[in-house]
Each structure stands twice: as structure tokens, then as C-alpha cells.
């Protein structure tokens, strides 16, 4: 009798712990979804900024774009060919721990 109570108690404890862990993972995924969305929009803003610089001859620093969230930023890189003409633009949006990137190629 004691063994069966101990076995049932242990199984209830394991199932409860597993359910709590799964709920915690769902909550974390909800926060990561928001950060991921912010990172996507930051990467898009970096691409748009570099397009503007390239087409209008402007000299805006696209790595220092300001967003309402202080943890959100962009990192842009322009890859050129041998003649110095832009070949592609890579923009990485960063928000908290989420990183999302876009690559635009010129043809």
C-alpha cells in the first residue's frame, strides 16, 4: 500500500512538473514572438535605409536608426563587386535576443 501511494505521488509530481515546464515554454515563446517581429521590422528598416542611400546619394548611417524600443537595432552591410558597384545589401535586425536578417541583391 505504501509503495503504491509513493508511486502514484511520484507520477503526479512528474506530470505536474512537466506541465509547468511546458506552460513556461509557451510564455517564453510569446515574448520571443514580439521580439522576432521587432527584429524583422528593424531589418526591413535597414534595407530601406540603404536603398535610400544608394538611390538618392544620401549618407545616412543605417546602423544608428532609432526605434521606440532601446533594445532594437540594425546592422547593415553592403557587399560590392570588383568595380565598387553594390552587389547586395545585408541587414540584420536585433531585438533583445532575436536576430532576423534580410538580403537584397542587385542585378
N, C-alpha and C. Protein backbone atom coordinates (compact mmCIF):
# COMPACT_ATOMS: atom_id res chain seq x y z
N UNK A 1 0.83 -1.19 0.00
CA UNK A 1 0.00 0.00 0.00
C UNK A 1 0.88 1.26 0.00
N UNK A 2 1.90 1.25 0.83
CA UNK A 2 2.81 2.39 0.91
C UNK A 2 3.54 2.58 -0.42
N UNK A 3 3.94 1.50 -1.03
CA UNK A 3 4.64 1.57 -2.31
C UNK A 3 3.74 2.14 -3.40
N UNK A 4 2.48 1.76 -3.43
CA UNK A 4 1.56 2.28 -4.45
C UNK A 4 1.29 3.77 -4.24
N UNK A 5 1.15 4.22 -3.00
CA UNK A 5 0.96 5.65 -2.72
C UNK A 5 2.20 6.44 -3.13
N UNK A 6 3.37 5.91 -2.85
CA UNK A 6 4.62 6.56 -3.24
C UNK A 6 4.75 6.63 -4.76
N UNK A 7 4.39 5.57 -5.44
CA UNK A 7 4.46 5.54 -6.91
C UNK A 7 3.48 6.52 -7.53
N UNK A 8 2.27 6.56 -7.04
CA UNK A 8 1.27 7.49 -7.57
C UNK A 8 1.67 8.94 -7.26
N UNK A 9 2.16 9.20 -6.07
CA UNK A 9 2.61 10.56 -5.72
C UNK A 9 3.75 11.03 -6.59
N UNK A 10 4.70 10.13 -6.86
CA UNK A 10 5.84 10.47 -7.72
C UNK A 10 5.37 10.76 -9.15
N UNK A 11 4.47 9.95 -9.66
CA UNK A 11 3.99 10.17 -11.03
C UNK A 11 3.20 11.48 -11.14
N UNK A 12 2.42 11.82 -10.13
CA UNK A 12 1.70 13.09 -10.14
C UNK A 12 2.69 14.26 -10.10
N UNK A 13 3.73 14.14 -9.31
CA UNK A 13 4.75 15.18 -9.23
C UNK A 13 5.46 15.36 -10.57
N UNK A 14 5.80 14.26 -11.22
CA UNK A 14 6.48 14.34 -12.52
C UNK A 14 5.57 14.96 -13.57
N UNK A 15 4.32 14.55 -13.62
CA UNK A 15 3.38 15.11 -14.60
C UNK A 15 3.13 16.59 -14.35
N UNK A 16 3.01 16.99 -13.11
CA UNK A 16 2.81 18.40 -12.77
C UNK A 16 4.03 19.24 -13.14
N UNK A 17 5.21 18.71 -12.88
CA UNK A 17 6.44 19.43 -13.25
C UNK A 17 6.56 19.58 -14.75
N UNK A 18 6.24 18.55 -15.49
CA UNK A 18 6.30 18.60 -16.95
C UNK A 18 5.28 19.60 -17.50
N UNK A 19 4.08 19.60 -16.96
CA UNK A 19 3.06 20.56 -17.41
C UNK A 19 3.49 21.99 -17.11
N UNK A 20 4.09 22.23 -15.95
CA UNK A 20 4.57 23.57 -15.62
C UNK A 20 5.68 24.02 -16.55
N UNK A 21 6.57 23.10 -16.90
CA UNK A 21 7.65 23.43 -17.83
C UNK A 21 7.09 23.78 -19.21
N UNK A 22 6.11 23.02 -19.67
CA UNK A 22 5.51 23.31 -20.98
C UNK A 22 4.79 24.65 -21.00
N UNK A 23 4.12 25.00 -19.93
CA UNK A 23 3.45 26.30 -19.84
C UNK A 23 4.49 27.42 -19.84
N UNK A 24 5.59 27.23 -19.13
CA UNK A 24 6.65 28.23 -19.11
C UNK A 24 7.25 28.42 -20.51
N UNK A 25 7.42 27.34 -21.26
CA UNK A 25 7.93 27.45 -22.63
C UNK A 25 6.95 28.22 -23.52
N UNK A 26 5.67 28.02 -23.35
CA UNK A 26 4.66 28.77 -24.13
C UNK A 26 4.72 30.26 -23.82
N UNK A 27 4.91 30.60 -22.57
CA UNK A 27 5.01 32.01 -22.19
C UNK A 27 6.25 32.63 -22.81
N UNK A 28 7.37 31.92 -22.77
CA UNK A 28 8.60 32.43 -23.38
C UNK A 28 8.44 32.60 -24.89
N UNK A 29 7.75 31.67 -25.54
CA UNK A 29 7.54 31.78 -26.99
C UNK A 29 6.72 33.02 -27.32
N UNK A 30 5.79 33.39 -26.46
CA UNK A 30 5.01 34.60 -26.68
C UNK A 30 5.88 35.85 -26.67
N UNK A 31 6.82 35.92 -25.74
CA UNK A 31 7.74 37.05 -25.70
C UNK A 31 8.70 37.03 -26.88
N UNK A 32 9.16 35.86 -27.28
CA UNK A 32 10.06 35.75 -28.41
C UNK A 32 9.36 36.15 -29.71
N UNK A 33 8.06 35.92 -29.80
CA UNK A 33 7.31 36.30 -30.98
C UNK A 33 7.32 37.82 -31.14
N UNK A 34 7.15 38.54 -30.06
CA UNK A 34 7.18 40.01 -30.11
C UNK A 34 8.58 40.50 -30.49
N UNK A 35 9.61 39.93 -29.88
CA UNK A 35 10.98 40.33 -30.21
C UNK A 35 11.32 39.98 -31.66
N UNK A 36 10.84 38.84 -32.13
CA UNK A 36 11.10 38.44 -33.51
C UNK A 36 10.44 39.41 -34.49
N UNK A 37 9.24 39.85 -34.19
CA UNK A 37 8.55 40.81 -35.05
C UNK A 37 9.29 42.15 -35.08
N UNK A 38 9.75 42.60 -33.94
CA UNK A 38 10.53 43.84 -33.89
C UNK A 38 11.82 43.71 -34.69
N UNK A 39 12.47 42.54 -34.61
CA UNK A 39 13.71 42.33 -35.34
C UNK A 39 13.46 42.31 -36.86
N UNK A 40 12.36 41.74 -37.29
CA UNK A 40 12.03 41.73 -38.72
C UNK A 40 11.82 43.15 -39.23
N UNK A 41 11.09 43.96 -38.49
CA UNK A 41 10.86 45.33 -38.93
C UNK A 41 12.14 46.16 -38.88
N UNK A 42 13.01 45.88 -37.94
CA UNK A 42 14.29 46.59 -37.88
C UNK A 42 15.17 46.22 -39.08
N UNK A 43 15.18 44.95 -39.45
CA UNK A 43 15.95 44.52 -40.63
C UNK A 43 15.39 45.16 -41.89
N UNK A 44 14.08 45.24 -41.99
CA UNK A 44 13.45 45.89 -43.15
C UNK A 44 13.80 47.38 -43.19
N UNK A 45 13.83 48.03 -42.04
CA UNK A 45 14.19 49.45 -41.99
C UNK A 45 15.64 49.64 -42.44
N UNK A 46 16.52 48.72 -42.08
CA UNK A 46 17.92 48.81 -42.52
C UNK A 46 18.06 48.67 -44.02
N UNK A 47 17.30 47.75 -44.62
CA UNK A 47 17.32 47.58 -46.08
C UNK A 47 16.80 48.83 -46.77
N UNK A 48 15.68 49.35 -46.28
CA UNK A 48 15.09 50.56 -46.87
C UNK A 48 16.03 51.75 -46.76
N UNK A 49 16.72 51.87 -45.64
CA UNK A 49 17.67 52.97 -45.44
C UNK A 49 18.81 52.87 -46.45
N UNK A 50 19.35 51.67 -46.65
CA UNK A 50 20.45 51.50 -47.60
C UNK A 50 19.98 51.71 -49.04
N UNK A 51 18.74 51.30 -49.35
CA UNK A 51 18.18 51.60 -50.68
C UNK A 51 18.12 53.11 -50.89
N UNK A 52 17.66 53.82 -49.88
CA UNK A 52 17.57 55.28 -49.97
C UNK A 52 18.96 55.89 -50.18
N UNK A 53 19.93 55.43 -49.40
CA UNK A 53 21.30 55.92 -49.56
C UNK A 53 21.83 55.66 -50.96
N UNK A 54 21.56 54.48 -51.50
CA UNK A 54 22.08 54.10 -52.80
C UNK A 54 21.39 54.87 -53.93
N UNK A 55 20.08 55.01 -53.86
CA UNK A 55 19.34 55.63 -54.96
C UNK A 55 19.37 57.15 -54.92
N UNK A 56 19.44 57.76 -53.75
CA UNK A 56 19.42 59.21 -53.62
C UNK A 56 20.80 59.82 -53.37
N UNK A 57 21.81 58.99 -53.18
CA UNK A 57 23.14 59.51 -52.90
C UNK A 57 23.27 60.10 -51.51
N UNK A 58 22.42 59.69 -50.60
CA UNK A 58 22.46 60.20 -49.24
C UNK A 58 23.55 59.47 -48.45
N UNK A 59 23.84 59.97 -47.27
CA UNK A 59 24.86 59.33 -46.42
C UNK A 59 24.33 59.14 -45.00
N UNK A 60 23.17 58.52 -44.89
CA UNK A 60 22.57 58.24 -43.59
C UNK A 60 23.25 57.00 -43.00
N UNK A 61 23.60 57.05 -41.72
CA UNK A 61 24.18 55.89 -41.04
C UNK A 61 23.03 54.95 -40.65
N UNK A 62 22.89 53.88 -41.40
CA UNK A 62 21.76 52.96 -41.20
C UNK A 62 21.94 52.07 -39.98
N UNK A 63 23.14 52.02 -39.40
CA UNK A 63 23.35 51.25 -38.18
C UNK A 63 22.91 52.01 -36.94
N UNK A 64 22.61 53.29 -37.08
CA UNK A 64 22.22 54.08 -35.91
C UNK A 64 20.77 54.56 -36.02
N UNK A 65 19.91 53.77 -36.65
CA UNK A 65 18.49 54.12 -36.71
C UNK A 65 17.90 54.04 -35.31
N UNK A 66 17.00 54.95 -34.99
CA UNK A 66 16.42 54.95 -33.65
C UNK A 66 15.02 54.33 -33.69
N UNK A 67 14.77 53.48 -32.73
CA UNK A 67 13.48 52.80 -32.59
C UNK A 67 12.91 53.13 -31.22
N UNK A 68 11.61 52.89 -31.04
CA UNK A 68 10.99 53.20 -29.75
C UNK A 68 11.49 52.27 -28.64
N UNK A 69 11.92 51.07 -29.00
CA UNK A 69 12.48 50.13 -28.04
C UNK A 69 14.00 50.27 -28.06
N UNK A 70 14.60 50.53 -26.93
CA UNK A 70 16.05 50.75 -26.89
C UNK A 70 16.86 49.48 -27.15
N UNK A 71 16.24 48.30 -27.07
CA UNK A 71 16.94 47.05 -27.33
C UNK A 71 16.92 46.66 -28.80
N UNK A 72 16.22 47.43 -29.63
CA UNK A 72 16.11 47.12 -31.05
C UNK A 72 17.10 47.95 -31.85
N UNK A 73 17.86 47.27 -32.74
CA UNK A 73 18.84 47.98 -33.56
C UNK A 73 19.05 47.23 -34.86
N UNK A 74 19.79 47.85 -35.78
CA UNK A 74 20.09 47.23 -37.06
C UNK A 74 21.59 47.18 -37.29
N UNK A 75 22.00 46.23 -38.11
CA UNK A 75 23.38 46.14 -38.59
C UNK A 75 23.29 45.90 -40.10
N UNK A 76 23.79 46.83 -40.88
CA UNK A 76 23.72 46.69 -42.34
C UNK A 76 25.13 46.57 -42.92
N UNK A 77 25.21 45.78 -43.99
CA UNK A 77 26.46 45.58 -44.69
C UNK A 77 26.18 45.64 -46.19
N UNK A 78 27.00 46.39 -46.92
CA UNK A 78 26.88 46.44 -48.37
C UNK A 78 28.04 45.66 -48.97
N UNK A 79 27.73 44.67 -49.77
CA UNK A 79 28.74 43.88 -50.45
C UNK A 79 28.89 44.41 -51.87
N UNK A 80 30.12 44.69 -52.29
CA UNK A 80 30.35 45.27 -53.61
C UNK A 80 31.12 44.28 -54.48
N UNK A 81 31.05 44.52 -55.80
CA UNK A 81 31.83 43.69 -56.73
C UNK A 81 33.19 44.35 -56.96
N UNK A 82 33.94 43.84 -57.93
CA UNK A 82 35.30 44.34 -58.17
C UNK A 82 35.33 45.81 -58.58
N UNK A 83 34.30 46.26 -59.28
CA UNK A 83 34.28 47.65 -59.75
C UNK A 83 33.78 48.63 -58.69
N UNK A 84 33.38 48.14 -57.55
CA UNK A 84 32.91 49.01 -56.47
C UNK A 84 31.41 49.25 -56.48
N UNK A 85 30.71 48.68 -57.45
CA UNK A 85 29.25 48.83 -57.50
C UNK A 85 28.61 47.89 -56.49
N UNK A 86 27.53 48.33 -55.84
CA UNK A 86 26.90 47.47 -54.84
C UNK A 86 26.32 46.21 -55.49
N UNK A 87 26.58 45.08 -54.87
CA UNK A 87 26.09 43.81 -55.37
C UNK A 87 24.92 43.32 -54.51
N UNK A 88 25.01 43.51 -53.21
CA UNK A 88 23.91 43.11 -52.32
C UNK A 88 23.98 43.90 -51.02
N UNK A 89 22.85 43.94 -50.35
CA UNK A 89 22.74 44.60 -49.05
C UNK A 89 22.23 43.56 -48.06
N UNK A 90 22.93 43.43 -46.95
CA UNK A 90 22.51 42.53 -45.88
C UNK A 90 22.17 43.36 -44.66
N UNK A 91 20.98 43.16 -44.14
CA UNK A 91 20.55 43.90 -42.96
C UNK A 91 20.10 42.91 -41.89
N UNK A 92 20.64 43.07 -40.69
CA UNK A 92 20.28 42.22 -39.56
C UNK A 92 19.54 43.08 -38.54
N UNK A 93 18.33 42.68 -38.21
CA UNK A 93 17.57 43.35 -37.17
C UNK A 93 17.73 42.59 -35.86
N UNK A 94 17.99 43.32 -34.80
CA UNK A 94 18.22 42.71 -33.49
C UNK A 94 17.25 43.33 -32.49
N UNK A 95 16.53 42.49 -31.79
CA UNK A 95 15.65 42.95 -30.72
C UNK A 95 15.76 41.97 -29.56
N UNK A 96 16.30 42.45 -28.47
CA UNK A 96 16.55 41.63 -27.29
C UNK A 96 17.44 40.45 -27.70
N UNK A 97 16.93 39.22 -27.75
CA UNK A 97 17.75 38.07 -28.14
C UNK A 97 17.39 37.53 -29.51
N UNK A 98 16.46 38.17 -30.21
CA UNK A 98 16.03 37.70 -31.52
C UNK A 98 16.79 38.42 -32.62
N UNK A 99 17.32 37.67 -33.57
CA UNK A 99 18.01 38.21 -34.73
C UNK A 99 17.30 37.75 -35.99
N UNK A 100 16.97 38.68 -36.88
CA UNK A 100 16.36 38.35 -38.17
C UNK A 100 17.08 39.13 -39.23
N UNK A 101 17.25 38.54 -40.41
CA UNK A 101 18.07 39.19 -41.45
C UNK A 101 17.33 39.18 -42.79
N UNK A 102 17.64 40.21 -43.61
CA UNK A 102 17.18 40.30 -44.99
C UNK A 102 18.41 40.50 -45.87
N UNK A 103 18.34 39.97 -47.08
CA UNK A 103 19.40 40.16 -48.06
C UNK A 103 18.74 40.61 -49.35
N UNK A 104 19.18 41.75 -49.87
CA UNK A 104 18.69 42.29 -51.14
C UNK A 104 19.84 42.28 -52.13
N UNK A 105 19.60 41.69 -53.30
CA UNK A 105 20.64 41.61 -54.32
C UNK A 105 20.30 42.51 -55.50
N UNK A 106 21.34 43.15 -56.06
CA UNK A 106 21.18 43.97 -57.25
C UNK A 106 21.54 43.11 -58.46
N UNK A 107 20.78 43.28 -59.52
CA UNK A 107 21.08 42.53 -60.74
C UNK A 107 21.23 43.46 -61.90
